[in-house]
């Protein structure tokens, strides 16, 4: 079936093909649902019995999925941002979350160090260097325990 604007639809036992006047189409057949260019190449998302291929496009409007040990739900950007914010808040200090979800830390615990390991190590080092040696003398008695 073809309309006056050049759009075409084919229906048959093997599937349905819809084409616009430029030849871009939608195909629904035993292989699934796909969007194709005039040469028949996939140009967008497709759905098959094996799964969904987003065709390198953004999937929008995703509802919040369950975030549990046994969940197989998809999650959305706001949920992932919530996790990043939670981690940043747990670290504290000058920790920030970038637009891509990565986390930057600086001056952790006012140590001048930019990661937790180095900050704890600097505190350990400072504690070791802060040892005092006490010798017996006037008004000081040293007893072994």
C-alpha atoms as a PDB file:
ATOM      1  CA  UNK A   1       0.000   0.000   0.000  1.00  0.00           C
ATOM      2  CA  UNK A   2       1.398   3.389  -0.981  1.00  0.00           C
ATOM      3  CA  UNK A   3      -0.026   6.822  -0.223  1.00  0.00           C
ATOM      4  CA  UNK A   4       0.167  10.022  -2.274  1.00  0.00           C
ATOM      5  CA  UNK A   5       3.171  11.297  -0.294  1.00  0.00           C
ATOM      6  CA  UNK A   6       5.393   8.319  -1.095  1.00  0.00           C
ATOM      7  CA  UNK A   7       4.979   6.478   2.199  1.00  0.00           C
ATOM      8  CA  UNK A   8       4.580   2.731   1.832  1.00  0.00           C
ATOM      9  CA  UNK A   9       3.393  -0.226   3.922  1.00  0.00           C
ATOM     10  CA  UNK A  10       3.880  -3.902   3.108  1.00  0.00           C
ATOM     11  CA  UNK A  11       2.025  -6.606   5.023  1.00  0.00           C
ATOM     12  CA  UNK A  12       2.755 -10.270   4.529  1.00  0.00           C
ATOM     13  CA  UNK A  13       3.160 -13.626   6.180  1.00  0.00           C
ATOM     14  CA  UNK A  14       6.793 -12.806   6.998  1.00  0.00           C
ATOM     15  CA  UNK A  15       6.127  -9.448   8.647  1.00  0.00           C
ATOM     16  CA  UNK A  16       5.294  -5.806   8.226  1.00  0.00           C
ATOM     17  CA  UNK A  17       7.481  -3.121   6.678  1.00  0.00           C
ATOM     18  CA  UNK A  18       6.635   0.573   6.825  1.00  0.00           C
ATOM     19  CA  UNK A  19       8.680   3.086   4.816  1.00  0.00           C
ATOM     20  CA  UNK A  20       8.529   6.849   4.658  1.00  0.00           C
ATOM     21  CA  UNK A  21       9.008   8.737   1.380  1.00  0.00           C
ATOM     22  CA  UNK A  22      12.790   8.857   2.035  1.00  0.00           C
ATOM     23  CA  UNK A  23      13.041   5.080   2.378  1.00  0.00           C
ATOM     24  CA  UNK A  24      13.592   4.967   6.140  1.00  0.00           C
ATOM     25  CA  UNK A  25      11.532   2.217   7.646  1.00  0.00           C
ATOM     26  CA  UNK A  26      10.172   0.242  10.523  1.00  0.00           C
ATOM     27  CA  UNK A  27      10.308  -3.532  10.263  1.00  0.00           C
ATOM     28  CA  UNK A  28       8.331  -5.983  12.383  1.00  0.00           C
ATOM     29  CA  UNK A  29       9.054  -9.622  11.593  1.00  0.00           C
ATOM     30  CA  UNK A  30      10.169 -12.910  13.173  1.00  0.00           C
ATOM     31  CA  UNK A  31      13.491 -11.189  14.022  1.00  0.00           C
ATOM     32  CA  UNK A  32      11.785  -8.494  16.096  1.00  0.00           C
ATOM     33  CA  UNK A  33      11.153  -4.789  15.682  1.00  0.00           C
ATOM     34  CA  UNK A  34      13.774  -2.510  14.150  1.00  0.00           C
ATOM     35  CA  UNK A  35      14.270   0.817  12.409  1.00  0.00           C
ATOM     36  CA  UNK A  36      16.178   0.762   9.120  1.00  0.00           C
ATOM     37  CA  UNK A  37      17.623   3.085   6.493  1.00  0.00           C
ATOM     38  CA  UNK A  38      16.773   2.753   2.770  1.00  0.00           C
ATOM     39  CA  UNK A  39      19.479   0.048   2.434  1.00  0.00           C
ATOM     40  CA  UNK A  40      17.947  -2.037   5.255  1.00  0.00           C
ATOM     41  CA  UNK A  41      20.666  -1.232   7.817  1.00  0.00           C
ATOM     42  CA  UNK A  42      19.588  -0.800  11.443  1.00  0.00           C
ATOM     43  CA  UNK A  43      19.641   2.903  12.353  1.00  0.00           C
ATOM     44  CA  UNK A  44      18.084   2.898  15.787  1.00  0.00           C
ATOM     45  CA  UNK A  45      16.848   0.764  18.637  1.00  0.00           C
ATOM     46  CA  UNK A  46      15.689  -2.787  18.050  1.00  0.00           C
ATOM     47  CA  UNK A  47      13.789  -5.336  20.084  1.00  0.00           C
ATOM     48  CA  UNK A  48      14.363  -9.040  19.524  1.00  0.00           C
ATOM     49  CA  UNK A  49      13.695 -12.235  21.438  1.00  0.00           C
ATOM     50  CA  UNK A  50      17.310 -11.933  22.638  1.00  0.00           C
ATOM     51  CA  UNK A  51      16.837  -8.492  24.171  1.00  0.00           C
ATOM     52  CA  UNK A  52      16.822  -4.774  23.517  1.00  0.00           C
ATOM     53  CA  UNK A  53      19.556  -2.926  21.621  1.00  0.00           C
ATOM     54  CA  UNK A  54      19.257   0.820  22.208  1.00  0.00           C
ATOM     55  CA  UNK A  55      21.205   1.562  19.021  1.00  0.00           C
ATOM     56  CA  UNK A  56      23.548   3.958  20.836  1.00  0.00           C
ATOM     57  CA  UNK A  57      20.659   6.230  21.788  1.00  0.00           C
ATOM     58  CA  UNK A  58      19.653   7.542  25.212  1.00  0.00           C
ATOM     59  CA  UNK A  59      16.841   5.644  26.866  1.00  0.00           C
ATOM     60  CA  UNK A  60      14.651   8.253  28.555  1.00  0.00           C
ATOM     61  CA  UNK A  61      11.742   8.117  30.952  1.00  0.00           C
ATOM     62  CA  UNK A  62      13.087   5.159  32.948  1.00  0.00           C
ATOM     63  CA  UNK A  63      11.213   4.711  36.225  1.00  0.00           C
ATOM     64  CA  UNK A  64      13.231   4.125  39.388  1.00  0.00           C
ATOM     65  CA  UNK A  65      14.116   0.446  39.636  1.00  0.00           C
ATOM     66  CA  UNK A  66      14.582  -1.522  42.835  1.00  0.00           C
ATOM     67  CA  UNK A  67      18.122  -1.266  44.216  1.00  0.00           C
ATOM     68  CA  UNK A  68      18.351  -4.515  46.172  1.00  0.00           C
ATOM     69  CA  UNK A  69      20.681  -7.507  46.212  1.00  0.00           C
ATOM     70  CA  UNK A  70      18.273  -9.582  44.112  1.00  0.00           C
ATOM     71  CA  UNK A  71      16.958  -6.817  41.824  1.00  0.00           C
ATOM     72  CA  UNK A  72      17.269  -7.176  38.075  1.00  0.00           C
ATOM     73  CA  UNK A  73      15.544  -3.833  37.472  1.00  0.00           C
ATOM     74  CA  UNK A  74      17.051  -1.046  35.414  1.00  0.00           C
ATOM     75  CA  UNK A  75      17.922   2.058  37.395  1.00  0.00           C
ATOM     76  CA  UNK A  76      17.892   5.644  36.205  1.00  0.00           C
ATOM     77  CA  UNK A  77      20.313   8.553  36.399  1.00  0.00           C
ATOM     78  CA  UNK A  78      18.727  10.111  39.482  1.00  0.00           C
ATOM     79  CA  UNK A  79      19.183   6.864  41.410  1.00  0.00           C
ATOM     80  CA  UNK A  80      22.841   6.661  40.406  1.00  0.00           C
ATOM     81  CA  UNK A  81      23.301  10.331  41.351  1.00  0.00           C
ATOM     82  CA  UNK A  82      21.824   9.511  44.757  1.00  0.00           C
ATOM     83  CA  UNK A  83      24.452   6.799  45.277  1.00  0.00           C
ATOM     84  CA  UNK A  84      27.254   9.175  44.261  1.00  0.00           C
ATOM     85  CA  UNK A  85      25.935  11.859  46.627  1.00  0.00           C
ATOM     86  CA  UNK A  86      25.701   9.326  49.459  1.00  0.00           C
ATOM     87  CA  UNK A  87      29.322   8.253  48.966  1.00  0.00           C
ATOM     88  CA  UNK A  88      30.478  11.878  48.753  1.00  0.00           C
ATOM     89  CA  UNK A  89      28.607  12.762  51.950  1.00  0.00           C
ATOM     90  CA  UNK A  90      30.127   9.764  53.746  1.00  0.00           C
ATOM     91  CA  UNK A  91      33.620  10.901  52.788  1.00  0.00           C
ATOM     92  CA  UNK A  92      32.775  14.478  53.754  1.00  0.00           C
ATOM     93  CA  UNK A  93      35.071  17.462  53.575  1.00  0.00           C
ATOM     94  CA  UNK A  94      35.526  18.973  50.148  1.00  0.00           C
ATOM     95  CA  UNK A  95      34.197  15.903  48.306  1.00  0.00           C
ATOM     96  CA  UNK A  96      32.149  16.723  45.212  1.00  0.00           C
ATOM     97  CA  UNK A  97      30.223  14.751  42.593  1.00  0.00           C
ATOM     98  CA  UNK A  98      30.946  15.643  38.955  1.00  0.00           C
ATOM     99  CA  UNK A  99      28.252  15.774  36.260  1.00  0.00           C
ATOM    100  CA  UNK A 100      29.410  12.373  34.959  1.00  0.00           C
ATOM    101  CA  UNK A 101      28.963  10.776  38.416  1.00  0.00           C
ATOM    102  CA  UNK A 102      32.655  10.570  39.307  1.00  0.00           C
ATOM    103  CA  UNK A 103      33.708  11.768  42.737  1.00  0.00           C
ATOM    104  CA  UNK A 104      36.497  14.237  43.543  1.00  0.00           C
ATOM    105  CA  UNK A 105      38.019  14.479  46.989  1.00  0.00           C
ATOM    106  CA  UNK A 106      40.486  17.015  48.283  1.00  0.00           C
ATOM    107  CA  UNK A 107      41.957  17.841  51.658  1.00  0.00           C
ATOM    108  CA  UNK A 108      40.319  14.817  53.319  1.00  0.00           C
ATOM    109  CA  UNK A 109      40.045  15.441  57.069  1.00  0.00           C
ATOM    110  CA  UNK A 110      42.047  18.672  56.657  1.00  0.00           C
ATOM    111  CA  UNK A 111      45.163  16.558  56.043  1.00  0.00           C
ATOM    112  CA  UNK A 112      45.948  18.082  52.659  1.00  0.00           C
ATOM    113  CA  UNK A 113      45.562  14.626  51.113  1.00  0.00           C
ATOM    114  CA  UNK A 114      43.177  13.899  48.252  1.00  0.00           C
ATOM    115  CA  UNK A 115      42.157  10.321  49.063  1.00  0.00           C
ATOM    116  CA  UNK A 116      41.159   8.416  52.183  1.00  0.00           C
ATOM    117  CA  UNK A 117      44.182   6.093  52.186  1.00  0.00           C
ATOM    118  CA  UNK A 118      46.693   8.935  52.050  1.00  0.00           C
ATOM    119  CA  UNK A 119      44.763  10.927  54.668  1.00  0.00           C
ATOM    120  CA  UNK A 120      44.770   8.020  57.148  1.00  0.00           C
ATOM    121  CA  UNK A 121      48.435   7.342  56.384  1.00  0.00           C
ATOM    122  CA  UNK A 122      49.311  10.979  57.113  1.00  0.00           C
ATOM    123  CA  UNK A 123      47.514  10.773  60.474  1.00  0.00           C
ATOM    124  CA  UNK A 124      49.409   7.548  61.286  1.00  0.00           C
ATOM    125  CA  UNK A 125      52.690   9.187  60.328  1.00  0.00           C
ATOM    126  CA  UNK A 126      51.925  12.268  62.436  1.00  0.00           C
ATOM    127  CA  UNK A 127      51.017  10.088  65.433  1.00  0.00           C
ATOM    128  CA  UNK A 128      54.313   8.201  65.166  1.00  0.00           C
ATOM    129  CA  UNK A 129      56.289  11.430  64.960  1.00  0.00           C
ATOM    130  CA  UNK A 130      54.427  12.887  67.941  1.00  0.00           C
ATOM    131  CA  UNK A 131      55.866  10.294  70.372  1.00  0.00           C
ATOM    132  CA  UNK A 132      57.517  11.776  73.409  1.00  0.00           C
ATOM    133  CA  UNK A 133      60.348  10.204  75.354  1.00  0.00           C
ATOM    134  CA  UNK A 134      60.096  10.652  79.110  1.00  0.00           C
ATOM    135  CA  UNK A 135      63.157  10.203  81.321  1.00  0.00           C
ATOM    136  CA  UNK A 136      63.195   9.791  85.071  1.00  0.00           C
ATOM    137  CA  UNK A 137      64.127  12.984  86.812  1.00  0.00           C
ATOM    138  CA  UNK A 138      62.940  15.556  89.327  1.00  0.00           C
ATOM    139  CA  UNK A 139      59.202  15.056  89.938  1.00  0.00           C
ATOM    140  CA  UNK A 140      59.102  12.264  87.327  1.00  0.00           C
ATOM    141  CA  UNK A 141      59.068   8.619  88.291  1.00  0.00           C
ATOM    142  CA  UNK A 142      59.081   5.968  85.578  1.00  0.00           C
ATOM    143  CA  UNK A 143      57.563   2.631  86.569  1.00  0.00           C
ATOM    144  CA  UNK A 144      57.505  -0.496  84.464  1.00  0.00           C
ATOM    145  CA  UNK A 145      54.078  -1.940  83.999  1.00  0.00           C
END
